[in-house]
Amino acid sequence: MTLELLQEYNANKPFILQMQKLKQQLADAEEKIREGKEELEKVKLWNKLEEQHTWKISVDELNNASIGLTWP
């Protein structure tokens, strides 16, 4: 290694360190996005399951039941 190469490396060292820092920030952001997508999929699944297990009653059925429950 020559003195010129060493000087060039030392001159570029802050840039190299900054690049490593930015790469880590990018990796962290990508992980956070992946976790967010997983959480969104879980919420969508639970909402779909809840919707499937919710009883659906028409207004006519409610009215008929209401009439049937009234006391003479």
N, C-alpha and C. Protein backbone atom coordinates (compact mmCIF):
# COMPACT_ATOMS: atom_id res chain seq x y z
N MET A 1 0.86 -1.17 0.00
CA MET A 1 0.00 0.00 0.00
C MET A 1 0.90 1.23 0.00
N THR A 2 0.60 2.11 -0.89
CA THR A 2 1.41 3.32 -0.99
C THR A 2 0.83 4.40 -0.10
N LEU A 3 1.61 5.39 0.14
CA LEU A 3 1.19 6.52 0.97
C LEU A 3 0.01 7.24 0.30
N GLU A 4 0.03 7.33 -1.02
CA GLU A 4 -1.07 7.98 -1.74
C GLU A 4 -2.38 7.23 -1.55
N LEU A 5 -2.34 5.91 -1.64
CA LEU A 5 -3.55 5.11 -1.43
C LEU A 5 -4.07 5.27 -0.01
N LEU A 6 -3.16 5.29 0.94
CA LEU A 6 -3.57 5.46 2.34
C LEU A 6 -4.21 6.83 2.54
N GLN A 7 -3.64 7.84 1.95
CA GLN A 7 -4.20 9.18 2.07
C GLN A 7 -5.58 9.26 1.39
N GLU A 8 -5.69 8.62 0.25
CA GLU A 8 -6.97 8.61 -0.45
C GLU A 8 -8.03 7.88 0.38
N TYR A 9 -7.63 6.74 0.95
CA TYR A 9 -8.57 5.98 1.81
C TYR A 9 -9.01 6.83 2.99
N ASN A 10 -8.06 7.47 3.64
CA ASN A 10 -8.40 8.31 4.80
C ASN A 10 -9.27 9.49 4.40
N ALA A 11 -9.06 10.02 3.22
CA ALA A 11 -9.89 11.13 2.74
C ALA A 11 -11.32 10.67 2.48
N ASN A 12 -11.46 9.44 2.02
CA ASN A 12 -12.79 8.91 1.70
C ASN A 12 -13.45 8.20 2.89
N LYS A 13 -12.74 8.05 3.97
CA LYS A 13 -13.27 7.30 5.11
C LYS A 13 -14.60 7.86 5.63
N PRO A 14 -14.75 9.18 5.80
CA PRO A 14 -16.06 9.69 6.24
C PRO A 14 -17.17 9.31 5.28
N PHE A 15 -16.89 9.33 3.99
CA PHE A 15 -17.89 8.95 2.99
C PHE A 15 -18.26 7.48 3.15
N ILE A 16 -17.26 6.64 3.33
CA ILE A 16 -17.49 5.20 3.50
C ILE A 16 -18.33 4.95 4.75
N LEU A 17 -17.99 5.63 5.85
CA LEU A 17 -18.75 5.47 7.09
C LEU A 17 -20.18 5.96 6.92
N GLN A 18 -20.35 7.07 6.20
CA GLN A 18 -21.69 7.59 5.94
C GLN A 18 -22.50 6.61 5.11
N MET A 19 -21.87 6.00 4.11
CA MET A 19 -22.55 5.01 3.28
C MET A 19 -22.99 3.80 4.12
N GLN A 20 -22.12 3.34 5.01
CA GLN A 20 -22.48 2.22 5.88
C GLN A 20 -23.66 2.58 6.77
N LYS A 21 -23.63 3.79 7.30
CA LYS A 21 -24.72 4.26 8.16
C LYS A 21 -26.03 4.32 7.39
N LEU A 22 -25.99 4.84 6.15
CA LEU A 22 -27.19 4.93 5.34
C LEU A 22 -27.71 3.55 4.94
N LYS A 23 -26.80 2.62 4.66
CA LYS A 23 -27.22 1.26 4.34
C LYS A 23 -27.93 0.62 5.53
N GLN A 24 -27.43 0.88 6.74
CA GLN A 24 -28.08 0.33 7.93
C GLN A 24 -29.45 0.96 8.14
N GLN A 25 -29.56 2.28 7.91
CA GLN A 25 -30.85 2.95 8.03
C GLN A 25 -31.85 2.39 7.02
N LEU A 26 -31.37 2.12 5.80
CA LEU A 26 -32.23 1.55 4.78
C LEU A 26 -32.70 0.15 5.19
N ALA A 27 -31.79 -0.65 5.70
CA ALA A 27 -32.15 -2.00 6.14
C ALA A 27 -33.17 -1.93 7.28
N ASP A 28 -32.97 -0.99 8.20
CA ASP A 28 -33.92 -0.83 9.31
C ASP A 28 -35.30 -0.40 8.80
N ALA A 29 -35.31 0.53 7.84
CA ALA A 29 -36.58 1.00 7.28
C ALA A 29 -37.29 -0.12 6.54
N GLU A 30 -36.54 -0.92 5.79
CA GLU A 30 -37.15 -2.03 5.06
C GLU A 30 -37.73 -3.05 6.03
N GLU A 31 -37.06 -3.30 7.15
CA GLU A 31 -37.57 -4.23 8.16
C GLU A 31 -38.86 -3.68 8.77
N LYS A 32 -38.87 -2.39 9.05
CA LYS A 32 -40.06 -1.77 9.63
C LYS A 32 -41.25 -1.86 8.65
N ILE A 33 -40.98 -1.66 7.37
CA ILE A 33 -42.04 -1.78 6.35
C ILE A 33 -42.55 -3.21 6.29
N ARG A 34 -41.64 -4.18 6.33
CA ARG A 34 -42.03 -5.59 6.29
C ARG A 34 -42.91 -5.93 7.49
N GLU A 35 -42.51 -5.45 8.68
CA GLU A 35 -43.30 -5.71 9.88
C GLU A 35 -44.68 -5.05 9.77
N GLY A 36 -44.72 -3.84 9.21
CA GLY A 36 -45.99 -3.14 9.04
C GLY A 36 -46.92 -3.89 8.09
N LYS A 37 -46.35 -4.43 7.01
CA LYS A 37 -47.16 -5.21 6.07
C LYS A 37 -47.70 -6.47 6.73
N GLU A 38 -46.87 -7.13 7.54
CA GLU A 38 -47.33 -8.33 8.24
C GLU A 38 -48.47 -7.99 9.21
N GLU A 39 -48.33 -6.90 9.93
CA GLU A 39 -49.36 -6.48 10.87
C GLU A 39 -50.66 -6.15 10.13
N LEU A 40 -50.54 -5.46 8.99
CA LEU A 40 -51.72 -5.13 8.20
C LEU A 40 -52.43 -6.39 7.72
N GLU A 41 -51.67 -7.38 7.28
CA GLU A 41 -52.27 -8.64 6.84
C GLU A 41 -53.00 -9.34 8.00
N LYS A 42 -52.43 -9.28 9.19
CA LYS A 42 -53.09 -9.89 10.36
C LYS A 42 -54.41 -9.19 10.65
N VAL A 43 -54.39 -7.86 10.60
CA VAL A 43 -55.61 -7.09 10.87
C VAL A 43 -56.67 -7.40 9.82
N LYS A 44 -56.26 -7.46 8.56
CA LYS A 44 -57.21 -7.78 7.50
C LYS A 44 -57.81 -9.17 7.71
N LEU A 45 -56.98 -10.13 8.09
CA LEU A 45 -57.46 -11.49 8.34
C LEU A 45 -58.47 -11.51 9.48
N TRP A 46 -58.15 -10.85 10.59
CA TRP A 46 -59.07 -10.83 11.74
C TRP A 46 -60.37 -10.13 11.37
N ASN A 47 -60.27 -9.04 10.61
CA ASN A 47 -61.50 -8.34 10.19
C ASN A 47 -62.36 -9.24 9.31
N LYS A 48 -61.73 -9.98 8.42
CA LYS A 48 -62.47 -10.88 7.54
C LYS A 48 -63.13 -11.99 8.35
N LEU A 49 -62.39 -12.56 9.30
CA LEU A 49 -62.97 -13.61 10.15
C LEU A 49 -64.12 -13.07 10.98
N GLU A 50 -63.96 -11.88 11.50
CA GLU A 50 -65.02 -11.26 12.31
C GLU A 50 -66.27 -11.03 11.46
N GLU A 51 -66.05 -10.56 10.25
CA GLU A 51 -67.18 -10.31 9.35
C GLU A 51 -67.91 -11.61 9.01
N GLN A 52 -67.16 -12.69 8.82
CA GLN A 52 -67.77 -13.97 8.48
C GLN A 52 -68.57 -14.53 9.65
N HIS A 53 -68.17 -14.21 10.86
CA HIS A 53 -68.84 -14.78 12.04
C HIS A 53 -69.85 -13.83 12.67
N THR A 54 -70.11 -12.72 12.01
CA THR A 54 -71.11 -11.79 12.50
C THR A 54 -72.47 -12.21 11.95
N TRP A 55 -73.43 -12.27 12.83
CA TRP A 55 -74.78 -12.64 12.39
C TRP A 55 -75.37 -11.49 11.61
N LYS A 56 -75.97 -11.83 10.51
CA LYS A 56 -76.62 -10.81 9.70
C LYS A 56 -78.12 -11.07 9.71
N ILE A 57 -78.86 -10.06 10.15
CA ILE A 57 -80.30 -10.17 10.26
C ILE A 57 -80.92 -9.03 9.47
N SER A 58 -81.88 -9.35 8.65
CA SER A 58 -82.53 -8.32 7.85
C SER A 58 -83.45 -7.48 8.73
N VAL A 59 -83.81 -6.32 8.23
CA VAL A 59 -84.71 -5.41 8.95
C VAL A 59 -86.07 -6.09 9.14
N ASP A 60 -86.55 -6.81 8.13
CA ASP A 60 -87.83 -7.51 8.23
C ASP A 60 -87.80 -8.54 9.36
N GLU A 61 -86.71 -9.27 9.47
CA GLU A 61 -86.60 -10.26 10.53
C GLU A 61 -86.60 -9.60 11.90
N LEU A 62 -85.94 -8.46 12.00
CA LEU A 62 -85.94 -7.73 13.28
C LEU A 62 -87.34 -7.22 13.62
N ASN A 63 -88.02 -6.69 12.62
CA ASN A 63 -89.39 -6.20 12.85
C ASN A 63 -90.31 -7.34 13.27
N ASN A 64 -90.23 -8.48 12.59
CA ASN A 64 -91.06 -9.64 12.94
C ASN A 64 -90.75 -10.13 14.35
N ALA A 65 -89.50 -10.13 14.71
CA ALA A 65 -89.12 -10.57 16.06
C ALA A 65 -89.64 -9.57 17.08
N SER A 66 -89.56 -8.30 16.75
CA SER A 66 -90.04 -7.25 17.64
C SER A 66 -91.55 -7.40 17.87
N ILE A 67 -92.28 -7.66 16.80
CA ILE A 67 -93.74 -7.83 16.90
C ILE A 67 -94.06 -9.07 17.75
N GLY A 68 -93.30 -10.11 17.55
CA GLY A 68 -93.52 -11.34 18.30
C GLY A 68 -93.22 -11.20 19.78
N LEU A 69 -92.41 -10.24 20.17
CA LEU A 69 -92.04 -10.06 21.57
C LEU A 69 -92.97 -9.12 22.32
N THR A 70 -93.83 -8.41 21.63
CA THR A 70 -94.71 -7.47 22.31
C THR A 70 -95.78 -8.23 23.08
N TRP A 71 -96.14 -7.72 24.19
CA TRP A 71 -97.15 -8.33 25.07
C TRP A 71 -98.53 -7.84 24.67
N PRO A 72 -99.46 -8.72 24.72
CA PRO A 72 -100.84 -8.32 24.34
C PRO A 72 -101.47 -7.38 25.35
